[in-house]
Protein backbone atom coordinates (compact mmCIF):
# COMPACT_ATOMS: atom_id res chain seq x y z
CA MET A 1 10.17 -41.23 7.69
CA THR A 2 7.33 -39.66 6.81
CA THR A 3 6.76 -39.14 2.36
CA TYR A 4 4.64 -36.29 1.10
CA PRO A 5 2.55 -36.54 -2.47
CA VAL A 6 4.32 -35.53 -4.74
CA ARG A 7 2.40 -32.94 -7.28
CA GLN A 8 4.23 -32.64 -11.47
CA GLY A 9 3.15 -29.95 -13.25
CA ILE A 10 2.50 -25.98 -12.80
CA THR A 11 -0.47 -25.30 -9.89
CA THR A 12 -3.67 -22.86 -11.03
CA PHE A 13 -5.24 -20.48 -9.20
CA GLU A 14 -8.37 -22.26 -8.88
CA GLU A 15 -6.48 -25.27 -7.46
CA PHE A 16 -4.34 -23.14 -4.96
CA LEU A 17 -7.56 -22.42 -3.29
CA GLU A 18 -8.53 -25.91 -3.40
CA ILE A 19 -5.38 -27.36 -1.75
CA ALA A 20 -4.48 -24.48 0.17
CA PRO A 21 -5.91 -25.33 4.14
CA ASP A 22 -7.60 -21.80 5.24
CA GLY A 23 -5.94 -20.54 7.51
CA GLN A 24 -2.48 -21.22 6.36
CA LYS A 25 -0.53 -19.04 4.96
CA ALA A 26 0.69 -20.43 1.53
CA ASP A 27 1.65 -18.41 -1.79
CA LEU A 28 1.53 -19.41 -5.28
CA LEU A 29 4.36 -18.38 -7.26
CA ASP A 30 5.33 -19.55 -10.59
CA GLY A 31 2.60 -22.25 -10.01
CA VAL A 32 4.83 -23.67 -6.80
CA ILE A 33 2.89 -23.68 -3.61
CA TYR A 34 4.67 -22.57 -0.60
CA MET A 35 3.42 -22.93 2.70
CA ALA A 36 4.89 -20.69 5.17
CA SER A 37 5.49 -21.59 9.03
CA PRO A 38 2.82 -20.52 11.79
CA ASP A 39 2.49 -17.14 12.83
CA ASN A 40 4.10 -16.08 16.03
CA THR A 41 3.34 -13.56 19.09
CA ASP A 42 6.31 -10.99 17.77
CA ALA A 43 5.01 -11.42 14.48
CA ALA A 44 1.35 -10.86 15.13
CA ASP A 45 2.03 -7.89 17.75
CA LEU A 46 4.06 -5.99 14.49
CA ASN A 47 1.38 -7.03 12.36
CA LEU A 48 -1.03 -4.73 14.88
CA TRP A 49 1.27 -2.30 15.20
CA LEU A 50 1.89 -1.40 11.56
CA ALA A 51 -1.58 -2.09 10.77
CA ILE A 52 -2.65 1.00 13.12
CA LEU A 53 0.26 3.30 11.81
CA LEU A 54 -1.07 2.50 8.12
CA TYR A 55 -5.07 2.37 8.72
CA THR A 56 -4.15 6.25 10.70
CA PHE A 57 -2.64 7.54 7.91
CA VAL A 58 -4.39 5.90 4.74
CA ASP A 59 -7.60 6.90 6.13
CA SER A 60 -7.15 10.34 7.38
CA ASN A 61 -5.70 11.04 3.67
CA ASP A 62 -8.19 9.54 2.21
CA LEU A 63 -5.51 6.59 0.19
CA GLY A 64 -7.89 3.79 -0.20
CA LYS A 65 -7.94 0.20 1.74
CA ILE A 66 -6.20 -1.40 4.65
CA TYR A 67 -7.24 -5.40 4.70
CA THR A 68 -5.40 -7.06 7.59
CA SER A 69 -6.93 -10.48 6.80
CA ARG A 70 -4.91 -12.91 5.11
CA VAL A 71 -6.54 -12.74 1.43
CA ALA A 72 -5.22 -15.05 -1.19
CA TYR A 73 -4.62 -12.28 -3.94
CA ARG A 74 -4.21 -13.06 -7.49
CA LEU A 75 -1.80 -11.88 -9.42
CA GLY A 76 -1.79 -14.17 -12.42
CA PRO A 77 -2.72 -17.86 -13.96
CA SER A 78 -0.73 -19.32 -11.57
CA ARG A 79 0.77 -16.50 -9.46
CA VAL A 80 -0.85 -15.98 -5.56
CA ARG A 81 0.24 -14.02 -3.03
CA ASN A 82 -1.49 -14.38 0.22
CA GLN A 83 -0.81 -11.62 2.39
CA ILE A 84 -1.63 -10.75 6.23
CA LEU A 85 -1.63 -6.67 5.44
CA ALA A 86 -2.56 -5.27 2.07
CA LEU A 87 -3.52 -1.65 0.71
CA PHE A 88 -5.58 -1.00 -1.74
CA PRO A 89 -5.26 2.34 -3.10
CA ARG A 90 -7.97 4.37 -4.01
CA ASN A 91 -8.47 4.70 -7.56
């Protein structure tokens, strides 16, 4: 049986950046790291279609920027979302 190290306490944003491997989909929610399963071709196709659709609309209306790479967005000291597709609205 495989055993995994158990971490006690709340994981911070800085610790999350050190622990979560680059390229691995992971979220930090209330200090707990959640790792996602790998992407598949259906999800990749859907993501590309949605990114093109959103980029076309957002760009033509000068609404902000669309990002399509996995970026860790810090929402608080122990809360991070790792989105594949994100919109940053223009201020």
